Amino acid sequence: MRAITQAHPLCTETADRRGFAFDTTLVLFFLALDAGQRFSFGIEGALSGVTLMFFLVFPYFLPYNGEKPLFERWVLGRAAIASFGIILGVLFKQTLGVFIPEVFGFLPLTLLIVAGVYSGAVQFSLLFRVRLAE
């Protein structure tokens, strides 16, 4: 004897349609802006490049409830954002002392710290969010 049962879910969990990894994209942009401003061909430049590469790829593997985009398109978009940040950082360095006072030279690092705190708060809130059991 077979019994066929059908259960209807009482509630469903939907993923919000905010941008995937928006908070880490802000950190990536300001990290690229700071790396472009302090660009050099030494160990400092190599470490900045490795950090930038890690932050370019690793946020794809963070926990996410919704459907993740294709990896290739996602990395290309983030690479474009990082390239734009590096170019703006180099241009920002060229304008320091000419058009912009030199005291604003610490602005990219300050904005990077603020974006990092925001990203950390968002990631911790997503990590500790109560979810339905599967």
Protein backbone atom coordinates (compact mmCIF):
# COMPACT_ATOMS: atom_id res chain seq x y z
CA MET A 1 0.00 0.00 0.00
CA ARG A 2 1.37 3.36 -0.97
CA ALA A 3 0.44 6.61 0.60
CA ILE A 4 0.93 9.76 -1.39
CA THR A 5 1.10 12.92 0.63
CA GLN A 6 1.47 16.43 -0.53
CA ALA A 7 2.60 19.21 1.78
CA HIS A 8 2.13 22.83 0.95
CA PRO A 9 4.67 25.26 2.38
CA LEU A 10 3.25 27.67 4.88
CA CYS A 11 5.66 30.43 3.99
CA THR A 12 8.39 30.97 1.47
CA GLU A 13 11.62 32.85 1.69
CA THR A 14 12.39 35.10 -1.24
CA ALA A 15 15.70 36.66 -2.04
CA ASP A 16 15.81 40.40 -2.21
CA ARG A 17 16.75 41.77 -5.61
CA ARG A 18 19.45 44.08 -4.32
CA GLY A 19 22.68 43.89 -6.17
CA PHE A 20 24.75 40.81 -5.43
CA ALA A 21 27.71 41.77 -3.23
CA PHE A 22 27.15 45.52 -3.45
CA ASP A 23 28.88 46.17 -0.14
CA THR A 24 32.06 44.38 -1.20
CA THR A 25 31.99 46.27 -4.50
CA LEU A 26 32.27 49.53 -2.56
CA VAL A 27 35.27 48.18 -0.69
CA LEU A 28 36.81 46.97 -3.97
CA PHE A 29 36.38 50.40 -5.58
CA PHE A 30 37.95 52.31 -2.68
CA LEU A 31 40.74 49.72 -2.36
CA ALA A 32 41.50 50.16 -6.07
CA LEU A 33 41.34 53.94 -5.66
CA ASP A 34 43.87 53.78 -2.83
CA ALA A 35 46.07 51.29 -4.71
CA GLY A 36 46.04 53.55 -7.78
CA GLN A 37 47.00 56.54 -5.68
CA ARG A 38 49.91 54.72 -4.02
CA PHE A 39 51.02 52.74 -7.10
CA SER A 40 54.65 51.60 -7.08
CA PHE A 41 56.80 48.80 -8.58
CA GLY A 42 57.99 47.30 -5.32
CA ILE A 43 56.87 44.89 -2.66
CA GLU A 44 54.18 47.37 -1.62
CA GLY A 45 52.73 47.40 -5.10
CA ALA A 46 52.82 43.61 -5.29
CA LEU A 47 51.01 43.26 -1.96
CA SER A 48 48.41 45.83 -3.03
CA GLY A 49 47.88 43.94 -6.28
CA VAL A 50 47.46 40.59 -4.52
CA THR A 51 45.00 42.12 -2.05
CA LEU A 52 43.07 43.67 -4.91
CA MET A 53 42.95 40.33 -6.76
CA PHE A 54 41.71 38.52 -3.66
CA PHE A 55 39.00 41.10 -3.10
CA LEU A 56 38.09 40.87 -6.77
CA VAL A 57 37.30 37.13 -6.65
CA PHE A 58 36.58 35.96 -3.09
CA PRO A 59 33.27 37.79 -2.43
CA TYR A 60 31.64 35.50 -5.01
CA PHE A 61 31.97 32.65 -2.53
CA LEU A 62 30.28 34.44 0.39
CA PRO A 63 26.94 32.97 1.52
CA TYR A 64 23.98 34.28 -0.48
CA ASN A 65 20.31 33.24 -0.44
CA GLY A 66 19.43 34.18 -4.00
CA GLU A 67 20.66 32.97 -7.33
CA LYS A 68 24.27 33.94 -8.00
CA PRO A 69 25.16 35.41 -11.40
CA LEU A 70 27.57 33.66 -13.76
CA PHE A 71 31.12 33.81 -12.42
CA GLU A 72 32.73 35.09 -15.63
CA ARG A 73 30.34 38.03 -16.07
CA TRP A 74 30.54 38.85 -12.38
CA VAL A 75 34.37 38.93 -12.35
CA LEU A 76 34.49 41.00 -15.55
CA GLY A 77 32.17 43.58 -13.98
CA ARG A 78 34.23 43.75 -10.83
CA ALA A 79 37.46 43.95 -12.87
CA ALA A 80 35.99 46.93 -14.73
CA ILE A 81 35.13 48.60 -11.41
CA ALA A 82 38.65 47.91 -10.07
CA SER A 83 40.26 49.26 -13.26
CA PHE A 84 38.12 52.39 -13.05
CA GLY A 85 39.16 52.82 -9.40
CA ILE A 86 42.86 52.42 -10.24
CA ILE A 87 42.62 54.99 -13.04
CA LEU A 88 40.79 57.42 -10.77
CA GLY A 89 43.44 56.84 -8.08
CA VAL A 90 46.27 57.68 -10.48
CA LEU A 91 44.40 60.79 -11.64
CA PHE A 92 43.68 61.72 -8.01
CA LYS A 93 47.41 61.49 -7.22
CA GLN A 94 48.21 63.78 -10.16
CA THR A 95 45.77 66.44 -8.95
CA LEU A 96 46.98 66.50 -5.33
CA GLY A 97 48.71 69.77 -4.62
CA VAL A 98 47.60 71.22 -7.97
CA PHE A 99 43.81 71.32 -7.92
CA ILE A 100 43.11 69.54 -4.64
CA PRO A 101 44.86 70.40 -1.35
CA GLU A 102 47.33 67.73 -0.20
CA VAL A 103 45.39 67.16 3.01
CA PHE A 104 42.79 65.29 0.91
CA GLY A 105 45.41 62.67 0.05
CA PHE A 106 44.07 60.48 2.87
CA LEU A 107 40.48 60.59 1.61
CA PRO A 108 40.58 57.29 -0.37
CA LEU A 109 41.91 55.36 2.63
CA THR A 110 39.34 56.98 4.92
CA LEU A 111 36.53 56.03 2.56
CA LEU A 112 37.99 52.52 2.31
CA ILE A 113 37.81 52.15 6.09
CA VAL A 114 34.21 53.40 6.17
CA ALA A 115 33.23 51.02 3.34
CA GLY A 116 35.00 48.14 5.11
CA VAL A 117 33.08 48.77 8.33
CA TYR A 118 29.82 48.92 6.36
CA SER A 119 30.65 45.71 4.48
CA GLY A 120 31.57 43.92 7.69
CA ALA A 121 28.32 44.97 9.34
CA VAL A 122 26.31 43.75 6.34
CA GLN A 123 28.16 40.41 6.22
CA PHE A 124 27.71 39.81 9.95
CA SER A 125 24.01 40.66 9.75
CA LEU A 126 23.61 38.19 6.86
CA LEU A 127 25.59 35.55 8.73
CA PHE A 128 23.56 35.81 11.93
CA ARG A 129 20.16 36.23 10.28
CA VAL A 130 17.60 33.69 11.41
CA ARG A 131 16.63 31.47 8.47
CA LEU A 132 14.02 28.80 8.03
CA ALA A 133 15.26 25.25 8.39
CA GLU A 134 15.32 23.21 5.22
